[in-house]
């Protein structure tokens, strides 16, 4: 039987935000995920997906730069 972890548990394990884990689940980038009510269930054996966002200068991602969400 597969053991699962929650999005907050995956976020802590992978060193990313809970919201980022939720987005990865919504984009179906994590194999074996399932949604139970409003909660994502992620296999404990799942590995963190590769970040496909393009990184620009100053550590910003391309989308942040386009939207003007620059953190200074």
N, C-alpha and C. Protein backbone atom coordinates (compact mmCIF):
# COMPACT_ATOMS: atom_id res chain seq x y z
N UNK A 1 0.84 -1.18 0.00
CA UNK A 1 0.00 0.00 0.00
C UNK A 1 0.89 1.25 0.00
N UNK A 2 0.55 2.19 -0.84
CA UNK A 2 1.31 3.43 -0.95
C UNK A 2 1.04 4.34 0.23
N UNK A 3 2.11 4.90 0.79
CA UNK A 3 1.96 5.88 1.86
C UNK A 3 2.02 7.27 1.24
N UNK A 4 1.22 8.17 1.80
CA UNK A 4 1.12 9.52 1.26
C UNK A 4 1.54 10.57 2.28
N UNK A 5 1.90 11.75 1.75
CA UNK A 5 2.17 12.93 2.59
C UNK A 5 1.31 14.07 2.06
N UNK A 6 1.11 15.06 2.89
CA UNK A 6 0.32 16.23 2.51
C UNK A 6 1.20 17.26 1.78
N UNK A 7 0.58 18.28 1.22
CA UNK A 7 1.34 19.35 0.56
C UNK A 7 2.28 20.06 1.54
N UNK A 8 1.84 20.38 2.78
CA UNK A 8 2.78 21.00 3.71
C UNK A 8 3.98 20.11 4.05
N UNK A 9 3.74 18.80 4.16
CA UNK A 9 4.83 17.87 4.43
C UNK A 9 5.81 17.83 3.26
N UNK A 10 5.28 17.80 2.03
CA UNK A 10 6.14 17.79 0.84
C UNK A 10 6.92 19.08 0.74
N UNK A 11 6.27 20.20 1.05
CA UNK A 11 6.94 21.51 1.00
C UNK A 11 8.14 21.53 1.94
N UNK A 12 7.95 21.03 3.13
CA UNK A 12 9.04 21.00 4.11
C UNK A 12 10.15 20.07 3.65
N UNK A 13 9.77 18.91 3.14
CA UNK A 13 10.75 17.90 2.68
C UNK A 13 11.58 18.44 1.52
N UNK A 14 10.93 19.16 0.59
CA UNK A 14 11.60 19.62 -0.62
C UNK A 14 12.17 21.04 -0.51
N UNK A 15 11.87 21.74 0.59
CA UNK A 15 12.40 23.09 0.76
C UNK A 15 11.77 24.13 -0.13
N UNK A 16 10.48 23.96 -0.43
CA UNK A 16 9.74 24.94 -1.24
C UNK A 16 8.45 25.30 -0.51
N UNK A 17 7.71 26.26 -1.04
CA UNK A 17 6.48 26.68 -0.37
C UNK A 17 5.35 25.68 -0.58
N UNK A 18 4.40 25.72 0.32
CA UNK A 18 3.22 24.86 0.20
C UNK A 18 2.46 25.20 -1.08
N UNK A 19 2.38 26.49 -1.39
CA UNK A 19 1.67 26.93 -2.60
C UNK A 19 2.34 26.38 -3.86
N UNK A 20 3.67 26.33 -3.87
CA UNK A 20 4.40 25.78 -5.03
C UNK A 20 4.07 24.30 -5.19
N UNK A 21 4.00 23.57 -4.09
CA UNK A 21 3.64 22.15 -4.15
C UNK A 21 2.23 22.01 -4.72
N UNK A 22 1.30 22.84 -4.26
CA UNK A 22 -0.07 22.79 -4.78
C UNK A 22 -0.10 23.05 -6.28
N UNK A 23 0.69 24.03 -6.74
CA UNK A 23 0.75 24.33 -8.18
C UNK A 23 1.31 23.13 -8.95
N UNK A 24 2.34 22.50 -8.42
CA UNK A 24 2.90 21.31 -9.08
C UNK A 24 1.85 20.21 -9.17
N UNK A 25 1.03 20.06 -8.14
CA UNK A 25 -0.04 19.07 -8.16
C UNK A 25 -1.10 19.44 -9.20
N UNK A 26 -1.50 20.71 -9.22
CA UNK A 26 -2.50 21.17 -10.20
C UNK A 26 -2.02 20.95 -11.63
N UNK A 27 -0.72 21.11 -11.84
CA UNK A 27 -0.13 20.92 -13.18
C UNK A 27 0.20 19.46 -13.46
N UNK A 28 -0.14 18.58 -12.50
CA UNK A 28 0.10 17.12 -12.64
C UNK A 28 1.57 16.81 -12.91
N UNK A 29 2.46 17.51 -12.21
CA UNK A 29 3.90 17.33 -12.39
C UNK A 29 4.49 16.32 -11.40
N UNK A 30 3.66 15.82 -10.48
CA UNK A 30 4.13 14.84 -9.50
C UNK A 30 3.39 13.52 -9.76
N UNK A 31 4.11 12.48 -10.13
CA UNK A 31 3.46 11.19 -10.41
C UNK A 31 2.79 10.60 -9.17
N UNK A 32 1.63 10.01 -9.36
CA UNK A 32 0.95 9.28 -8.30
C UNK A 32 0.12 10.11 -7.34
N UNK A 33 -0.03 11.41 -7.63
CA UNK A 33 -0.82 12.26 -6.72
C UNK A 33 -2.30 11.96 -6.84
N UNK A 34 -3.02 12.29 -5.80
CA UNK A 34 -4.47 12.18 -5.82
C UNK A 34 -5.02 13.30 -4.97
N UNK A 35 -6.24 13.70 -5.24
CA UNK A 35 -6.86 14.76 -4.47
C UNK A 35 -8.03 14.17 -3.70
N UNK A 36 -8.02 14.38 -2.40
CA UNK A 36 -9.09 13.91 -1.53
C UNK A 36 -9.74 15.14 -0.93
N UNK A 37 -10.96 15.43 -1.36
CA UNK A 37 -11.65 16.66 -0.97
C UNK A 37 -10.80 17.85 -1.43
N UNK A 38 -10.30 18.66 -0.52
CA UNK A 38 -9.48 19.81 -0.90
C UNK A 38 -8.00 19.57 -0.63
N UNK A 39 -7.63 18.35 -0.31
CA UNK A 39 -6.26 18.04 0.10
C UNK A 39 -5.55 17.18 -0.94
N UNK A 40 -4.34 17.61 -1.31
CA UNK A 40 -3.53 16.81 -2.22
C UNK A 40 -2.80 15.74 -1.42
N UNK A 41 -2.81 14.53 -1.93
CA UNK A 41 -2.07 13.41 -1.34
C UNK A 41 -0.94 13.06 -2.29
N UNK A 42 0.27 13.13 -1.78
CA UNK A 42 1.47 12.94 -2.58
C UNK A 42 2.21 11.71 -2.07
N UNK A 43 2.56 10.78 -2.96
CA UNK A 43 3.29 9.59 -2.50
C UNK A 43 4.57 9.99 -1.75
N UNK A 44 4.84 9.36 -0.61
CA UNK A 44 6.04 9.67 0.17
C UNK A 44 7.31 9.42 -0.63
N UNK A 45 7.22 8.54 -1.61
CA UNK A 45 8.40 8.21 -2.43
C UNK A 45 8.61 9.21 -3.58
N UNK A 46 7.67 10.15 -3.76
CA UNK A 46 7.78 11.10 -4.87
C UNK A 46 8.98 12.02 -4.69
N UNK A 47 9.62 12.33 -5.81
CA UNK A 47 10.75 13.25 -5.80
C UNK A 47 10.30 14.62 -6.28
N UNK A 48 10.99 15.62 -5.82
CA UNK A 48 10.68 17.00 -6.21
C UNK A 48 10.90 17.15 -7.72
N UNK A 49 9.88 17.64 -8.44
CA UNK A 49 10.04 17.84 -9.88
C UNK A 49 11.08 18.93 -10.18
N UNK A 50 11.70 18.83 -11.32
CA UNK A 50 12.66 19.83 -11.76
C UNK A 50 11.91 21.13 -12.03
N UNK A 51 12.48 22.24 -11.58
CA UNK A 51 11.88 23.56 -11.78
C UNK A 51 12.09 23.99 -13.22
N UNK A 52 11.01 24.08 -13.99
CA UNK A 52 11.11 24.42 -15.41
C UNK A 52 10.99 25.92 -15.67
N UNK A 53 10.81 26.71 -14.59
CA UNK A 53 10.74 28.16 -14.79
C UNK A 53 12.10 28.67 -15.20
N UNK A 54 12.12 29.68 -16.07
CA UNK A 54 13.37 30.26 -16.53
C UNK A 54 13.83 31.32 -15.54
N UNK A 55 15.05 31.19 -15.09
CA UNK A 55 15.60 32.15 -14.14
C UNK A 55 16.32 33.26 -14.90
N UNK A 56 15.99 34.49 -14.54
CA UNK A 56 16.58 35.67 -15.18
C UNK A 56 17.62 36.28 -14.24
N UNK A 57 18.07 37.48 -14.56
CA UNK A 57 19.04 38.18 -13.72
C UNK A 57 18.45 38.50 -12.34
N UNK A 58 19.28 38.72 -11.39
CA UNK A 58 18.91 39.08 -10.01
C UNK A 58 18.07 37.99 -9.34
N UNK A 59 18.14 36.75 -9.83
CA UNK A 59 17.44 35.66 -9.18
C UNK A 59 15.94 35.64 -9.40
N UNK A 60 15.42 36.49 -10.29
CA UNK A 60 13.99 36.52 -10.55
C UNK A 60 13.66 35.51 -11.64
N UNK A 61 12.45 34.99 -11.58
CA UNK A 61 12.00 34.10 -12.64
C UNK A 61 11.40 34.96 -13.75
N UNK A 62 11.39 34.45 -14.95
CA UNK A 62 10.91 35.20 -16.11
C UNK A 62 9.51 35.75 -15.89
N UNK A 63 8.62 34.96 -15.34
CA UNK A 63 7.24 35.41 -15.12
C UNK A 63 7.18 36.56 -14.12
N UNK A 64 7.99 36.51 -13.06
CA UNK A 64 8.00 37.59 -12.08
C UNK A 64 8.44 38.89 -12.73
N UNK A 65 9.44 38.82 -13.58
CA UNK A 65 9.98 40.00 -14.24
C UNK A 65 8.93 40.61 -15.17
N UNK A 66 8.21 39.76 -15.92
CA UNK A 66 7.17 40.24 -16.83
C UNK A 66 6.04 40.95 -16.08
N UNK A 67 5.68 40.40 -14.93
CA UNK A 67 4.55 40.92 -14.16
C UNK A 67 4.94 42.10 -13.27
N UNK A 68 6.22 42.38 -13.21
CA UNK A 68 6.67 43.48 -12.36
C UNK A 68 6.70 43.13 -10.90
N UNK A 69 6.73 41.84 -10.57
CA UNK A 69 6.77 41.40 -9.17
C UNK A 69 8.22 41.30 -8.71
N UNK A 70 8.96 42.37 -8.83
CA UNK A 70 10.35 42.35 -8.43
C UNK A 70 10.48 42.59 -6.96
N UNK A 71 11.19 41.72 -6.29
CA UNK A 71 11.41 41.84 -4.85
C UNK A 71 12.78 42.48 -4.64
N UNK A 72 12.79 43.63 -4.08
CA UNK A 72 14.06 44.33 -3.87
C UNK A 72 14.40 44.36 -2.42
